[in-house]
């Protein structure tokens, strides 16, 4: 196994923009990396459809993606 880059992203009520961020922003960048990459998305108690949108992302099919769903909003510091 080579070097591993871990990208940790806290999200909260991001249903409107999460697919654009993942599929059009993050996916092209990590596709070009020569290292193994994992993405850890931490849902900080979202009350919208953020989790459903994450699961439909093409990023989930191509890379190691771990999703952690917190029971309520704890704030980005705790989420990280």
C-alpha atoms as a PDB file:
ATOM      1  CA  UNK A   1       0.000   0.000   0.000  1.00  0.00           C
ATOM      2  CA  UNK A   2       1.258   3.454  -0.889  1.00  0.00           C
ATOM      3  CA  UNK A   3       0.671   6.733   0.847  1.00  0.00           C
ATOM      4  CA  UNK A   4      -2.873   7.469   1.944  1.00  0.00           C
ATOM      5  CA  UNK A   5      -4.432  10.912   1.948  1.00  0.00           C
ATOM      6  CA  UNK A   6      -7.459  11.352   4.224  1.00  0.00           C
ATOM      7  CA  UNK A   7      -9.865  14.200   3.507  1.00  0.00           C
ATOM      8  CA  UNK A   8     -12.223  14.975   6.397  1.00  0.00           C
ATOM      9  CA  UNK A   9     -15.274  17.104   5.649  1.00  0.00           C
ATOM     10  CA  UNK A  10     -17.872  18.101   8.249  1.00  0.00           C
ATOM     11  CA  UNK A  11     -21.288  18.813   6.682  1.00  0.00           C
ATOM     12  CA  UNK A  12     -24.477  20.292   8.088  1.00  0.00           C
ATOM     13  CA  UNK A  13     -27.663  20.849   6.064  1.00  0.00           C
ATOM     14  CA  UNK A  14     -25.774  20.826   2.772  1.00  0.00           C
ATOM     15  CA  UNK A  15     -28.366  19.022   0.598  1.00  0.00           C
ATOM     16  CA  UNK A  16     -28.524  21.864  -1.924  1.00  0.00           C
ATOM     17  CA  UNK A  17     -24.786  22.009  -2.643  1.00  0.00           C
ATOM     18  CA  UNK A  18     -23.203  18.737  -1.518  1.00  0.00           C
ATOM     19  CA  UNK A  19     -23.372  16.973  -4.898  1.00  0.00           C
ATOM     20  CA  UNK A  20     -21.791  19.931  -6.652  1.00  0.00           C
ATOM     21  CA  UNK A  21     -19.020  19.993  -4.048  1.00  0.00           C
ATOM     22  CA  UNK A  22     -18.378  16.246  -4.174  1.00  0.00           C
ATOM     23  CA  UNK A  23     -18.876  15.496  -7.880  1.00  0.00           C
ATOM     24  CA  UNK A  24     -17.687  18.712  -9.504  1.00  0.00           C
ATOM     25  CA  UNK A  25     -15.233  20.024  -6.915  1.00  0.00           C
ATOM     26  CA  UNK A  26     -13.632  17.227  -4.924  1.00  0.00           C
ATOM     27  CA  UNK A  27     -13.958  14.279  -7.333  1.00  0.00           C
ATOM     28  CA  UNK A  28     -11.888  15.830 -10.181  1.00  0.00           C
ATOM     29  CA  UNK A  29      -9.152  16.893  -7.767  1.00  0.00           C
ATOM     30  CA  UNK A  30      -8.681  13.545  -6.043  1.00  0.00           C
ATOM     31  CA  UNK A  31      -9.029  11.671  -9.351  1.00  0.00           C
ATOM     32  CA  UNK A  32      -5.753  13.251 -10.440  1.00  0.00           C
ATOM     33  CA  UNK A  33      -3.831  12.327  -7.278  1.00  0.00           C
ATOM     34  CA  UNK A  34      -1.277   9.544  -7.466  1.00  0.00           C
ATOM     35  CA  UNK A  35      -1.926   8.498  -3.870  1.00  0.00           C
ATOM     36  CA  UNK A  36      -4.649   6.373  -2.344  1.00  0.00           C
ATOM     37  CA  UNK A  37      -7.384   8.641  -1.044  1.00  0.00           C
ATOM     38  CA  UNK A  38     -10.145   8.268   1.510  1.00  0.00           C
ATOM     39  CA  UNK A  39     -12.913  10.759   2.155  1.00  0.00           C
ATOM     40  CA  UNK A  40     -14.547  10.966   5.586  1.00  0.00           C
ATOM     41  CA  UNK A  41     -17.802  12.916   5.572  1.00  0.00           C
ATOM     42  CA  UNK A  42     -19.194  13.743   8.999  1.00  0.00           C
ATOM     43  CA  UNK A  43     -22.858  14.699   8.983  1.00  0.00           C
ATOM     44  CA  UNK A  44     -23.247  16.953  11.993  1.00  0.00           C
ATOM     45  CA  UNK A  45     -26.938  16.264  12.620  1.00  0.00           C
ATOM     46  CA  UNK A  46     -28.345  17.577   9.333  1.00  0.00           C
ATOM     47  CA  UNK A  47     -32.108  18.013   9.216  1.00  0.00           C
ATOM     48  CA  UNK A  48     -32.360  17.958   5.415  1.00  0.00           C
ATOM     49  CA  UNK A  49     -31.512  15.291   2.819  1.00  0.00           C
ATOM     50  CA  UNK A  50     -27.732  15.667   3.044  1.00  0.00           C
ATOM     51  CA  UNK A  51     -27.137  11.961   3.757  1.00  0.00           C
ATOM     52  CA  UNK A  52     -29.292  10.824   0.825  1.00  0.00           C
ATOM     53  CA  UNK A  53     -27.452  13.186  -1.529  1.00  0.00           C
ATOM     54  CA  UNK A  54     -24.057  11.942  -0.318  1.00  0.00           C
ATOM     55  CA  UNK A  55     -25.069   8.337  -1.032  1.00  0.00           C
ATOM     56  CA  UNK A  56     -25.991   9.282  -4.625  1.00  0.00           C
ATOM     57  CA  UNK A  57     -22.615  10.891  -5.353  1.00  0.00           C
ATOM     58  CA  UNK A  58     -20.336   9.309  -7.979  1.00  0.00           C
ATOM     59  CA  UNK A  59     -17.509   9.828  -5.471  1.00  0.00           C
ATOM     60  CA  UNK A  60     -18.973   7.045  -3.312  1.00  0.00           C
ATOM     61  CA  UNK A  61     -18.627   4.515  -6.149  1.00  0.00           C
ATOM     62  CA  UNK A  62     -15.050   5.432  -7.116  1.00  0.00           C
ATOM     63  CA  UNK A  63     -13.266   6.095  -3.815  1.00  0.00           C
ATOM     64  CA  UNK A  64     -13.171   4.910  -0.236  1.00  0.00           C
ATOM     65  CA  UNK A  65     -15.834   7.070   1.381  1.00  0.00           C
ATOM     66  CA  UNK A  66     -16.798   6.779   5.038  1.00  0.00           C
ATOM     67  CA  UNK A  67     -19.848   8.610   6.313  1.00  0.00           C
ATOM     68  CA  UNK A  68     -20.336   9.288  10.004  1.00  0.00           C
ATOM     69  CA  UNK A  69     -23.754  10.562  11.032  1.00  0.00           C
ATOM     70  CA  UNK A  70     -23.999  12.319  14.382  1.00  0.00           C
ATOM     71  CA  UNK A  71     -27.300  12.220  16.259  1.00  0.00           C
ATOM     72  CA  UNK A  72     -27.567  15.988  16.540  1.00  0.00           C
ATOM     73  CA  UNK A  73     -25.648  19.131  15.668  1.00  0.00           C
ATOM     74  CA  UNK A  74     -22.552  19.318  17.860  1.00  0.00           C
ATOM     75  CA  UNK A  75     -20.696  21.980  15.854  1.00  0.00           C
ATOM     76  CA  UNK A  76     -17.849  21.630  13.385  1.00  0.00           C
ATOM     77  CA  UNK A  77     -15.153  21.431  16.059  1.00  0.00           C
ATOM     78  CA  UNK A  78     -16.701  18.338  17.642  1.00  0.00           C
ATOM     79  CA  UNK A  79     -17.502  16.874  14.218  1.00  0.00           C
ATOM     80  CA  UNK A  80     -13.869  17.108  13.216  1.00  0.00           C
END
